[in-house]
Full PDB file with SEQRES, HELIX, SHEET, SSBOND, CRYST1, ORIGX, SCALE, CONECT and MASTER records, all heavy atoms in Angstrom:
SEQRES   1 A   38  GLN ILE LEU GLU GLU LYS LYS ILE ALA PRO GLU LEU PRO          
SEQRES   2 A   38  ASP ASP LEU THR ALA LEU ILE ARG ASN SER VAL ALA ILE          
SEQRES   3 A   38  ARG LYS HIS LEU GLU ALA ASN HIS LYS ASP GLN THR              
HELIX    1 AA1 ILE A    2  GLU A    5  1                                   4    
HELIX    2 AA2 ASP A   14  ALA A   32  1                                  19    
CRYST1    1.000    1.000    1.000  90.00  90.00  90.00 P 1           1          
ORIGX1      1.000000  0.000000  0.000000        0.00000                         
ORIGX2      0.000000  1.000000  0.000000        0.00000                         
ORIGX3      0.000000  0.000000  1.000000        0.00000                         
SCALE1      1.000000  0.000000  0.000000        0.00000                         
SCALE2      0.000000  1.000000  0.000000        0.00000                         
SCALE3      0.000000  0.000000  1.000000        0.00000                         
ATOM      1  N   GLN A   1      -6.151  21.881  -0.873  1.00  0.00           N  
ATOM      2  CA  GLN A   1      -5.811  22.604   0.360  1.00  0.00           C  
ATOM      3  C   GLN A   1      -6.909  22.441   1.408  1.00  0.00           C  
ATOM      4  O   GLN A   1      -6.617  22.280   2.599  1.00  0.00           O  
ATOM      5  CB  GLN A   1      -5.593  24.089   0.065  1.00  0.00           C  
ATOM      6  CG  GLN A   1      -4.335  24.381  -0.718  1.00  0.00           C  
ATOM      7  CD  GLN A   1      -4.256  25.840  -1.135  1.00  0.00           C  
ATOM      8  OE1 GLN A   1      -5.276  26.496  -1.328  1.00  0.00           O  
ATOM      9  NE2 GLN A   1      -3.037  26.337  -1.283  1.00  0.00           N  
ATOM     10  N   ILE A   2      -8.150  22.463   0.956  1.00  0.00           N  
ATOM     11  CA  ILE A   2      -9.276  22.268   1.882  1.00  0.00           C  
ATOM     12  C   ILE A   2      -9.218  20.861   2.482  1.00  0.00           C  
ATOM     13  O   ILE A   2      -9.406  20.669   3.687  1.00  0.00           O  
ATOM     14  CB  ILE A   2     -10.622  22.518   1.166  1.00  0.00           C  
ATOM     15  CG1 ILE A   2     -10.739  23.993   0.764  1.00  0.00           C  
ATOM     16  CG2 ILE A   2     -11.799  22.109   2.045  1.00  0.00           C  
ATOM     17  CD1 ILE A   2     -11.904  24.306  -0.130  1.00  0.00           C  
ATOM     18  N   LEU A   3      -8.910  19.867   1.639  1.00  0.00           N  
ATOM     19  CA  LEU A   3      -8.817  18.493   2.133  1.00  0.00           C  
ATOM     20  C   LEU A   3      -7.664  18.331   3.115  1.00  0.00           C  
ATOM     21  O   LEU A   3      -7.780  17.596   4.098  1.00  0.00           O  
ATOM     22  CB  LEU A   3      -8.651  17.521   0.962  1.00  0.00           C  
ATOM     23  CG  LEU A   3      -9.853  17.394   0.024  1.00  0.00           C  
ATOM     24  CD1 LEU A   3      -9.519  16.471  -1.136  1.00  0.00           C  
ATOM     25  CD2 LEU A   3     -11.080  16.910   0.758  1.00  0.00           C  
ATOM     26  N   GLU A   4      -6.550  19.016   2.880  1.00  0.00           N  
ATOM     27  CA  GLU A   4      -5.417  18.956   3.809  1.00  0.00           C  
ATOM     28  C   GLU A   4      -5.768  19.597   5.151  1.00  0.00           C  
ATOM     29  O   GLU A   4      -5.379  19.098   6.207  1.00  0.00           O  
ATOM     30  CB  GLU A   4      -4.194  19.638   3.202  1.00  0.00           C  
ATOM     31  CG  GLU A   4      -3.526  18.840   2.105  1.00  0.00           C  
ATOM     32  CD  GLU A   4      -2.454  19.615   1.380  1.00  0.00           C  
ATOM     33  OE1 GLU A   4      -2.079  20.719   1.833  1.00  0.00           O  
ATOM     34  OE2 GLU A   4      -1.994  19.111   0.340  1.00  0.00           O  
ATOM     35  N   GLU A   5      -6.502  20.723   5.103  1.00  0.00           N  
ATOM     36  CA  GLU A   5      -6.909  21.378   6.347  1.00  0.00           C  
ATOM     37  C   GLU A   5      -7.817  20.476   7.185  1.00  0.00           C  
ATOM     38  O   GLU A   5      -7.722  20.452   8.406  1.00  0.00           O  
ATOM     39  CB  GLU A   5      -7.634  22.685   6.040  1.00  0.00           C  
ATOM     40  CG  GLU A   5      -6.742  23.802   5.581  1.00  0.00           C  
ATOM     41  CD  GLU A   5      -7.536  25.038   5.206  1.00  0.00           C  
ATOM     42  OE1 GLU A   5      -8.780  25.034   5.347  1.00  0.00           O  
ATOM     43  OE2 GLU A   5      -6.906  26.011   4.771  1.00  0.00           O  
ATOM     44  N   LYS A   6      -8.708  19.749   6.507  1.00  0.00           N  
ATOM     45  CA  LYS A   6      -9.642  18.861   7.208  1.00  0.00           C  
ATOM     46  C   LYS A   6      -9.019  17.502   7.521  1.00  0.00           C  
ATOM     47  O   LYS A   6      -9.683  16.623   8.061  1.00  0.00           O  
ATOM     48  CB  LYS A   6     -10.903  18.644   6.367  1.00  0.00           C  
ATOM     49  CG  LYS A   6     -11.592  19.921   5.934  1.00  0.00           C  
ATOM     50  CD  LYS A   6     -12.237  20.631   7.074  1.00  0.00           C  
ATOM     51  CE  LYS A   6     -12.984  21.846   6.539  1.00  0.00           C  
ATOM     52  NZ  LYS A   6     -13.540  22.668   7.561  1.00  0.00           N  
ATOM     53  N   LYS A   7      -7.758  17.317   7.113  1.00  0.00           N  
ATOM     54  CA  LYS A   7      -6.998  16.091   7.365  1.00  0.00           C  
ATOM     55  C   LYS A   7      -7.635  14.863   6.721  1.00  0.00           C  
ATOM     56  O   LYS A   7      -7.619  13.757   7.296  1.00  0.00           O  
ATOM     57  CB  LYS A   7      -6.791  15.877   8.855  1.00  0.00           C  
ATOM     58  CG  LYS A   7      -5.992  16.987   9.504  1.00  0.00           C  
ATOM     59  CD  LYS A   7      -5.532  16.618  10.875  1.00  0.00           C  
ATOM     60  CE  LYS A   7      -4.732  17.660  11.597  1.00  0.00           C  
ATOM     61  NZ  LYS A   7      -4.428  18.905  10.998  1.00  0.00           N  
ATOM     62  N   ILE A   8      -8.186  15.036   5.526  1.00  0.00           N  
ATOM     63  CA  ILE A   8      -8.726  13.890   4.785  1.00  0.00           C  
ATOM     64  C   ILE A   8      -8.103  13.804   3.390  1.00  0.00           C  
ATOM     65  O   ILE A   8      -8.643  13.148   2.515  1.00  0.00           O  
ATOM     66  CB  ILE A   8     -10.269  13.953   4.683  1.00  0.00           C  
ATOM     67  CG1 ILE A   8     -10.738  15.287   4.166  1.00  0.00           C  
ATOM     68  CG2 ILE A   8     -10.915  13.607   5.990  1.00  0.00           C  
ATOM     69  CD1 ILE A   8     -12.229  15.353   3.931  1.00  0.00           C  
ATOM     70  N   ALA A   9      -6.951  14.447   3.224  1.00  0.00           N  
ATOM     71  CA  ALA A   9      -6.259  14.394   1.935  1.00  0.00           C  
ATOM     72  C   ALA A   9      -5.623  13.013   1.758  1.00  0.00           C  
ATOM     73  O   ALA A   9      -5.167  12.404   2.721  1.00  0.00           O  
ATOM     74  CB  ALA A   9      -5.184  15.477   1.864  1.00  0.00           C  
ATOM     75  N   PRO A  10      -5.602  12.496   0.521  1.00  0.00           N  
ATOM     76  CA  PRO A  10      -4.949  11.207   0.303  1.00  0.00           C  
ATOM     77  C   PRO A  10      -3.440  11.328   0.494  1.00  0.00           C  
ATOM     78  O   PRO A  10      -2.873  12.410   0.375  1.00  0.00           O  
ATOM     79  CB  PRO A  10      -5.301  10.876  -1.154  1.00  0.00           C  
ATOM     80  CG  PRO A  10      -5.609  12.182  -1.780  1.00  0.00           C  
ATOM     81  CD  PRO A  10      -6.181  13.051  -0.693  1.00  0.00           C  
ATOM     82  N   GLU A  11      -2.797  10.214   0.808  1.00  0.00           N  
ATOM     83  CA  GLU A  11      -1.357  10.270   1.068  1.00  0.00           C  
ATOM     84  C   GLU A  11      -0.559  10.512  -0.207  1.00  0.00           C  
ATOM     85  O   GLU A  11       0.515  11.092  -0.154  1.00  0.00           O  
ATOM     86  CB  GLU A  11      -0.892   8.995   1.755  1.00  0.00           C  
ATOM     87  CG  GLU A  11      -1.111   7.730   0.951  1.00  0.00           C  
ATOM     88  CD  GLU A  11      -0.729   6.481   1.719  1.00  0.00           C  
ATOM     89  OE1 GLU A  11      -1.234   6.317   2.839  1.00  0.00           O  
ATOM     90  OE2 GLU A  11       0.056   5.694   1.185  1.00  0.00           O  
ATOM     91  N   LEU A  12      -1.088  10.076  -1.362  1.00  0.00           N  
ATOM     92  CA  LEU A  12      -0.436  10.336  -2.646  1.00  0.00           C  
ATOM     93  C   LEU A  12      -1.248  11.349  -3.435  1.00  0.00           C  
ATOM     94  O   LEU A  12      -2.482  11.308  -3.417  1.00  0.00           O  
ATOM     95  CB  LEU A  12      -0.331   9.051  -3.472  1.00  0.00           C  
ATOM     96  CG  LEU A  12       0.612   7.968  -2.972  1.00  0.00           C  
ATOM     97  CD1 LEU A  12       0.547   6.769  -3.889  1.00  0.00           C  
ATOM     98  CD2 LEU A  12       2.021   8.485  -2.889  1.00  0.00           C  
ATOM     99  N   PRO A  13      -0.600  12.255  -4.172  1.00  0.00           N  
ATOM    100  CA  PRO A  13      -1.341  13.191  -5.022  1.00  0.00           C  
ATOM    101  C   PRO A  13      -2.134  12.453  -6.106  1.00  0.00           C  
ATOM    102  O   PRO A  13      -1.770  11.342  -6.524  1.00  0.00           O  
ATOM    103  CB  PRO A  13      -0.234  14.056  -5.636  1.00  0.00           C  
ATOM    104  CG  PRO A  13       0.913  13.923  -4.709  1.00  0.00           C  
ATOM    105  CD  PRO A  13       0.821  12.549  -4.129  1.00  0.00           C  
ATOM    106  N   ASP A  14      -3.219  13.079  -6.569  1.00  0.00           N  
ATOM    107  CA  ASP A  14      -4.136  12.433  -7.505  1.00  0.00           C  
ATOM    108  C   ASP A  14      -3.475  12.065  -8.828  1.00  0.00           C  
ATOM    109  O   ASP A  14      -3.739  10.996  -9.376  1.00  0.00           O  
ATOM    110  CB  ASP A  14      -5.336  13.342  -7.782  1.00  0.00           C  
ATOM    111  CG  ASP A  14      -6.202  13.518  -6.560  1.00  0.00           C  
ATOM    112  OD1 ASP A  14      -6.160  12.641  -5.680  1.00  0.00           O  
ATOM    113  OD2 ASP A  14      -6.924  14.523  -6.485  1.00  0.00           O  
ATOM    114  N   ASP A  15      -2.629  12.955  -9.362  1.00  0.00           N  
ATOM    115  CA  ASP A  15      -2.031  12.666 -10.657  1.00  0.00           C  
ATOM    116  C   ASP A  15      -1.071  11.480 -10.571  1.00  0.00           C  
ATOM    117  O   ASP A  15      -1.021  10.637 -11.472  1.00  0.00           O  
ATOM    118  CB  ASP A  15      -1.341  13.897 -11.238  1.00  0.00           C  
ATOM    119  CG  ASP A  15      -0.392  14.570 -10.263  1.00  0.00           C  
ATOM    120  OD1 ASP A  15      -0.318  14.132  -9.097  1.00  0.00           O  
ATOM    121  OD2 ASP A  15       0.276  15.540 -10.666  1.00  0.00           O  
ATOM    122  N   LEU A  16      -0.356  11.362  -9.481  1.00  0.00           N  
ATOM    123  CA  LEU A  16       0.546  10.231  -9.289  1.00  0.00           C  
ATOM    124  C   LEU A  16      -0.243   8.937  -9.119  1.00  0.00           C  
ATOM    125  O   LEU A  16       0.110   7.893  -9.687  1.00  0.00           O  
ATOM    126  CB  LEU A  16       1.451  10.470  -8.080  1.00  0.00           C  
ATOM    127  CG  LEU A  16       2.528   9.443  -7.813  1.00  0.00           C  
ATOM    128  CD1 LEU A  16       3.477   9.345  -8.994  1.00  0.00           C  
ATOM    129  CD2 LEU A  16       3.296   9.800  -6.564  1.00  0.00           C  
ATOM    130  N   THR A  17      -1.335   8.988  -8.391  1.00  0.00           N  
ATOM    131  CA  THR A  17      -2.183   7.814  -8.201  1.00  0.00           C  
ATOM    132  C   THR A  17      -2.762   7.343  -9.537  1.00  0.00           C  
ATOM    133  O   THR A  17      -2.802   6.137  -9.808  1.00  0.00           O  
ATOM    134  CB  THR A  17      -3.332   8.132  -7.225  1.00  0.00           C  
ATOM    135  OG1 THR A  17      -2.777   8.653  -6.019  1.00  0.00           O  
ATOM    136  CG2 THR A  17      -4.146   6.897  -6.904  1.00  0.00           C  
ATOM    137  N   ALA A  18      -3.184   8.279 -10.381  1.00  0.00           N  
ATOM    138  CA  ALA A  18      -3.737   7.920 -11.688  1.00  0.00           C  
ATOM    139  C   ALA A  18      -2.683   7.250 -12.564  1.00  0.00           C  
ATOM    140  O   ALA A  18      -2.967   6.264 -13.263  1.00  0.00           O  
ATOM    141  CB  ALA A  18      -4.297   9.164 -12.375  1.00  0.00           C  
ATOM    142  N   LEU A  19      -1.460   7.766 -12.531  1.00  0.00           N  
ATOM    143  CA  LEU A  19      -0.389   7.152 -13.316  1.00  0.00           C  
ATOM    144  C   LEU A  19      -0.058   5.752 -12.810  1.00  0.00           C  
ATOM    145  O   LEU A  19       0.206   4.840 -13.601  1.00  0.00           O  
ATOM    146  CB  LEU A  19       0.867   8.029 -13.284  1.00  0.00           C  
ATOM    147  CG  LEU A  19       0.835   9.269 -14.165  1.00  0.00           C  
ATOM    148  CD1 LEU A  19       2.052  10.132 -13.885  1.00  0.00           C  
ATOM    149  CD2 LEU A  19       0.794   8.886 -15.624  1.00  0.00           C  
ATOM    150  N   ILE A  20      -0.082   5.562 -11.498  1.00  0.00           N  
ATOM    151  CA  ILE A  20       0.198   4.235 -10.939  1.00  0.00           C  
ATOM    152  C   ILE A  20      -0.894   3.250 -11.340  1.00  0.00           C  
ATOM    153  O   ILE A  20      -0.611   2.109 -11.718  1.00  0.00           O  
ATOM    154  CB  ILE A  20       0.364   4.313  -9.407  1.00  0.00           C  
ATOM    155  CG1 ILE A  20       1.643   5.074  -9.069  1.00  0.00           C  
ATOM    156  CG2 ILE A  20       0.380   2.928  -8.778  1.00  0.00           C  
ATOM    157  CD1 ILE A  20       1.831   5.376  -7.606  1.00  0.00           C  
ATOM    158  N   ARG A  21      -2.149   3.690 -11.302  1.00  0.00           N  
ATOM    159  CA  ARG A  21      -3.249   2.825 -11.740  1.00  0.00           C  
ATOM    160  C   ARG A  21      -3.088   2.442 -13.205  1.00  0.00           C  
ATOM    161  O   ARG A  21      -3.328   1.296 -13.595  1.00  0.00           O  
ATOM    162  CB  ARG A  21      -4.589   3.535 -11.538  1.00  0.00           C  
ATOM    163  CG  ARG A  21      -5.082   3.480 -10.142  1.00  0.00           C  
ATOM    164  CD  ARG A  21      -6.543   3.870 -10.065  1.00  0.00           C  
ATOM    165  NE  ARG A  21      -6.932   3.896  -8.679  1.00  0.00           N  
ATOM    166  CZ  ARG A  21      -7.365   4.968  -8.041  1.00  0.00           C  
ATOM    167  NH1 ARG A  21      -7.495   6.104  -8.674  1.00  0.00           N  
ATOM    168  NH2 ARG A  21      -7.685   4.902  -6.779  1.00  0.00           N  
ATOM    169  N   ASN A  22      -2.690   3.427 -14.021  1.00  0.00           N  
ATOM    170  CA  ASN A  22      -2.480   3.173 -15.442  1.00  0.00           C  
ATOM    171  C   ASN A  22      -1.362   2.153 -15.641  1.00  0.00           C  
ATOM    172  O   ASN A  22      -1.474   1.231 -16.451  1.00  0.00           O  
ATOM    173  CB  ASN A  22      -2.148   4.492 -16.144  1.00  0.00           C  
ATOM    174  CG  ASN A  22      -2.219   4.384 -17.640  1.00  0.00           C  
ATOM    175  OD1 ASN A  22      -2.657   3.374 -18.172  1.00  0.00           O  
ATOM    176  ND2 ASN A  22      -1.782   5.411 -18.328  1.00  0.00           N  
ATOM    177  N   SER A  23      -0.297   2.288 -14.888  1.00  0.00           N  
ATOM    178  CA  SER A  23       0.829   1.358 -14.971  1.00  0.00           C  
ATOM    179  C   SER A  23       0.399  -0.054 -14.589  1.00  0.00           C  
ATOM    180  O   SER A  23       0.780  -1.029 -15.253  1.00  0.00           O  
ATOM    181  CB  SER A  23       1.949   1.848 -14.052  1.00  0.00           C  
ATOM    182  OG  SER A  23       2.934   0.883 -13.918  1.00  0.00           O  
ATOM    183  N   VAL A  24      -0.395  -0.177 -13.545  1.00  0.00           N  
ATOM    184  CA  VAL A  24      -0.878  -1.489 -13.107  1.00  0.00           C  
ATOM    185  C   VAL A  24      -1.756  -2.113 -14.190  1.00  0.00           C  
ATOM    186  O   VAL A  24      -1.637  -3.311 -14.489  1.00  0.00           O  
ATOM    187  CB  VAL A  24      -1.643  -1.370 -11.772  1.00  0.00           C  
ATOM    188  CG1 VAL A  24      -2.389  -2.645 -11.439  1.00  0.00           C  
ATOM    189  CG2 VAL A  24      -0.692  -1.006 -10.655  1.00  0.00           C  
ATOM    190  N   ALA A  25      -2.610  -1.309 -14.812  1.00  0.00           N  
ATOM    191  CA  ALA A  25      -3.494  -1.822 -15.868  1.00  0.00           C  
ATOM    192  C   ALA A  25      -2.685  -2.284 -17.084  1.00  0.00           C  
ATOM    193  O   ALA A  25      -2.988  -3.330 -17.685  1.00  0.00           O  
ATOM    194  CB  ALA A  25      -4.494  -0.747 -16.279  1.00  0.00           C  
ATOM    195  N   ILE A  26      -1.650  -1.534 -17.439  1.00  0.00           N  
ATOM    196  CA  ILE A  26      -0.818  -1.927 -18.581  1.00  0.00           C  
ATOM    197  C   ILE A  26      -0.067  -3.216 -18.261  1.00  0.00           C  
ATOM    198  O   ILE A  26       0.036  -4.116 -19.109  1.00  0.00           O  
ATOM    199  CB  ILE A  26       0.152  -0.794 -18.960  1.00  0.00           C  
ATOM    200  CG1 ILE A  26      -0.623   0.417 -19.489  1.00  0.00           C  
ATOM    201  CG2 ILE A  26       1.132  -1.255 -20.030  1.00  0.00           C  
ATOM    202  CD1 ILE A  26       0.236   1.643 -19.704  1.00  0.00           C  
ATOM    203  N   ARG A  27       0.463  -3.342 -17.047  1.00  0.00           N  
ATOM    204  CA  ARG A  27       1.167  -4.573 -16.656  1.00  0.00           C  
ATOM    205  C   ARG A  27       0.232  -5.784 -16.708  1.00  0.00           C  
ATOM    206  O   ARG A  27       0.622  -6.860 -17.159  1.00  0.00           O  
ATOM    207  CB  ARG A  27       1.744  -4.439 -15.258  1.00  0.00           C  
ATOM    208  CG  ARG A  27       3.002  -3.642 -15.214  1.00  0.00           C  
ATOM    209  CD  ARG A  27       3.592  -3.617 -13.815  1.00  0.00           C  
ATOM    210  NE  ARG A  27       4.790  -2.822 -13.806  1.00  0.00           N  
ATOM    211  CZ  ARG A  27       5.980  -3.263 -14.209  1.00  0.00           C  
ATOM    212  NH1 ARG A  27       6.108  -4.487 -14.625  1.00  0.00           N  
ATOM    213  NH2 ARG A  27       7.023  -2.474 -14.189  1.00  0.00           N  
ATOM    214  N   LYS A  28      -0.999  -5.594 -16.249  1.00  0.00           N  
ATOM    215  CA  LYS A  28      -1.981  -6.674 -16.289  1.00  0.00           C  
ATOM    216  C   LYS A  28      -2.270  -7.076 -17.733  1.00  0.00           C  
ATOM    217  O   LYS A  28      -2.381  -8.256 -18.059  1.00  0.00           O  
ATOM    218  CB  LYS A  28      -3.253  -6.200 -15.590  1.00  0.00           C  
ATOM    219  CG  LYS A  28      -4.253  -7.257 -15.269  1.00  0.00           C  
ATOM    220  CD  LYS A  28      -5.365  -6.646 -14.436  1.00  0.00           C  
ATOM    221  CE  LYS A  28      -6.451  -7.613 -14.142  1.00  0.00           C  
ATOM    222  NZ  LYS A  28      -7.546  -6.995 -13.406  1.00  0.00           N  
ATOM    223  N   HIS A  29      -2.367  -6.087 -18.615  1.00  0.00           N  
ATOM    224  CA  HIS A  29      -2.601  -6.348 -20.033  1.00  0.00           C  
ATOM    225  C   HIS A  29      -1.416  -7.107 -20.637  1.00  0.00           C  
ATOM    226  O   HIS A  29      -1.596  -8.031 -21.441  1.00  0.00           O  
ATOM    227  CB  HIS A  29      -2.818  -5.021 -20.769  1.00  0.00           C  
ATOM    228  CG  HIS A  29      -2.809  -5.148 -22.260  1.00  0.00           C  
ATOM    229  ND1 HIS A  29      -3.881  -5.638 -22.972  1.00  0.00           N  
ATOM    230  CD2 HIS A  29      -1.852  -4.854 -23.169  1.00  0.00           C  
ATOM    231  CE1 HIS A  29      -3.578  -5.649 -24.257  1.00  0.00           C  
ATOM    232  NE2 HIS A  29      -2.354  -5.174 -24.414  1.00  0.00           N  
ATOM    233  N   LEU A  30      -0.206  -6.721 -20.239  1.00  0.00           N  
ATOM    234  CA  LEU A  30       0.985  -7.355 -20.807  1.00  0.00           C  
ATOM    235  C   LEU A  30       1.164  -8.802 -20.340  1.00  0.00           C  
ATOM    236  O   LEU A  30       1.839  -9.585 -21.015  1.00  0.00           O  
ATOM    237  CB  LEU A  30       2.236  -6.539 -20.474  1.00  0.00           C  
ATOM    238  CG  LEU A  30       2.444  -5.305 -21.336  1.00  0.00           C  
ATOM    239  CD1 LEU A  30       3.598  -4.478 -20.810  1.00  0.00           C  
ATOM    240  CD2 LEU A  30       2.674  -5.677 -22.785  1.00  0.00           C  
ATOM    241  N   GLU A  31       0.575  -9.163 -19.207  1.00  0.00           N  
ATOM    242  CA  GLU A  31       0.641 -10.558 -18.773  1.00  0.00           C  
ATOM    243  C   GLU A  31      -0.085 -11.464 -19.767  1.00  0.00           C  
ATOM    244  O   GLU A  31       0.365 -12.583 -20.042  1.00  0.00           O  
ATOM    245  CB  GLU A  31       0.009 -10.716 -17.392  1.00  0.00           C  
ATOM    246  CG  GLU A  31       0.858 -10.177 -16.268  1.00  0.00           C  
ATOM    247  CD  GLU A  31       0.163 -10.259 -14.924  1.00  0.00           C  
ATOM    248  OE1 GLU A  31      -0.920 -10.878 -14.835  1.00  0.00           O  
ATOM    249  OE2 GLU A  31       0.711  -9.702 -13.959  1.00  0.00           O  
ATOM    250  N   ALA A  32      -1.182 -10.976 -20.316  1.00  0.00           N  
ATOM    251  CA  ALA A  32      -1.946 -11.765 -21.276  1.00  0.00           C  
ATOM    252  C   ALA A  32      -1.446 -11.573 -22.709  1.00  0.00           C  
ATOM    253  O   ALA A  32      -1.636 -12.453 -23.550  1.00  0.00           O  
ATOM    254  CB  ALA A  32      -3.428 -11.386 -21.199  1.00  0.00           C  
ATOM    255  N   ASN A  33      -0.829 -10.429 -22.983  1.00  0.00           N  
ATOM    256  CA  ASN A  33      -0.397 -10.105 -24.349  1.00  0.00           C  
ATOM    257  C   ASN A  33       1.085  -9.746 -24.338  1.00  0.00           C  
ATOM    258  O   ASN A  33       1.450  -8.574 -24.360  1.00  0.00           O  
ATOM    259  CB  ASN A  33      -1.220  -8.934 -24.891  1.00  0.00           C  
ATOM    260  CG  ASN A  33      -2.700  -9.199 -24.803  1.00  0.00           C  
ATOM    261  OD1 ASN A  33      -3.248  -9.994 -25.536  1.00  0.00           O  
ATOM    262  ND2 ASN A  33      -3.352  -8.544 -23.852  1.00  0.00           N  
ATOM    263  N   HIS A  34       1.933 -10.768 -24.314  1.00  0.00           N  
ATOM    264  CA  HIS A  34       3.373 -10.557 -24.166  1.00  0.00           C  
ATOM    265  C   HIS A  34       3.991  -9.792 -25.327  1.00  0.00           C  
ATOM    266  O   HIS A  34       4.963  -9.065 -25.145  1.00  0.00           O  
ATOM    267  CB  HIS A  34       4.099 -11.903 -24.038  1.00  0.00           C  
ATOM    268  CG  HIS A  34       3.692 -12.678 -22.832  1.00  0.00           C  
ATOM    269  ND1 HIS A  34       4.046 -12.295 -21.562  1.00  0.00           N  
ATOM    270  CD2 HIS A  34       2.936 -13.794 -22.699  1.00  0.00           C  
ATOM    271  CE1 HIS A  34       3.541 -13.151 -20.695  1.00  0.00           C  
ATOM    272  NE2 HIS A  34       2.855 -14.073 -21.356  1.00  0.00           N  
ATOM    273  N   LYS A  35       3.448  -9.941 -26.516  1.00  0.00           N  
ATOM    274  CA  LYS A  35       4.088  -9.371 -27.704  1.00  0.00           C  
ATOM    275  C   LYS A  35       3.560  -7.988 -28.075  1.00  0.00           C  
ATOM    276  O   LYS A  35       3.898  -7.470 -29.126  1.00  0.00           O  
ATOM    277  CB  LYS A  35       3.913 -10.318 -28.886  1.00  0.00           C  
ATOM    278  CG  LYS A  35       4.650 -11.623 -28.691  1.00  0.00           C  
ATOM    279  CD  LYS A  35       4.593 -12.460 -29.919  1.00  0.00           C  
ATOM    280  CE  LYS A  35       5.392 -13.728 -29.727  1.00  0.00           C  
ATOM    281  NZ  LYS A  35       5.457 -14.519 -30.957  1.00  0.00           N  
ATOM    282  N   ASP A  36       2.746  -7.401 -27.239  1.00  0.00           N  
ATOM    283  CA  ASP A  36       2.187  -6.087 -27.533  1.00  0.00           C  
ATOM    284  C   ASP A  36       3.253  -5.007 -27.318  1.00  0.00           C  
ATOM    285  O   ASP A  36       3.445  -4.503 -26.207  1.00  0.00           O  
ATOM    286  CB  ASP A  36       0.963  -5.830 -26.648  1.00  0.00           C  
ATOM    287  CG  ASP A  36       0.188  -4.590 -27.067  1.00  0.00           C  
ATOM    288  OD1 ASP A  36       0.675  -3.850 -27.938  1.00  0.00           O  
ATOM    289  OD2 ASP A  36      -0.897  -4.374 -26.503  1.00  0.00           O  
ATOM    290  N   GLN A  37       3.951  -4.660 -28.396  1.00  0.00           N  
ATOM    291  CA  GLN A  37       5.055  -3.707 -28.300  1.00  0.00           C  
ATOM    292  C   GLN A  37       4.569  -2.294 -27.974  1.00  0.00           C  
ATOM    293  O   GLN A  37       5.244  -1.537 -27.271  1.00  0.00           O  
ATOM    294  CB  GLN A  37       5.862  -3.697 -29.604  1.00  0.00           C  
ATOM    295  CG  GLN A  37       6.525  -5.029 -29.921  1.00  0.00           C  
ATOM    296  CD  GLN A  37       7.530  -5.434 -28.865  1.00  0.00           C  
ATOM    297  OE1 GLN A  37       8.296  -4.618 -28.370  1.00  0.00           O  
ATOM    298  NE2 GLN A  37       7.518  -6.718 -28.493  1.00  0.00           N  
ATOM    299  N   THR A  38       3.407  -1.937 -28.462  1.00  0.00           N  
ATOM    300  CA  THR A  38       2.862  -0.609 -28.175  1.00  0.00           C  
ATOM    301  C   THR A  38       2.586  -0.448 -26.685  1.00  0.00           C  
ATOM    302  O   THR A  38       2.856   0.599 -26.098  1.00  0.00           O  
ATOM    303  CB  THR A  38       1.567  -0.378 -28.978  1.00  0.00           C  
ATOM    304  OG1 THR A  38       1.808  -0.688 -30.353  1.00  0.00           O  
ATOM    305  CG2 THR A  38       1.108   1.055 -28.854  1.00  0.00           C  
TER     306      THR A  38                                                      
MASTER        0    0    0    2    0    0    0    6  305    1    0    3          
END                                                                             
């Protein structure tokens, strides 16, 4: 709320950004390891 008042809040919420980063990292891993079912 403080960041929103000062107009320096990120455009995406932090938890969503963390999940997107995680998804990108998993996709990058899967490019090298196609058979990793886990």
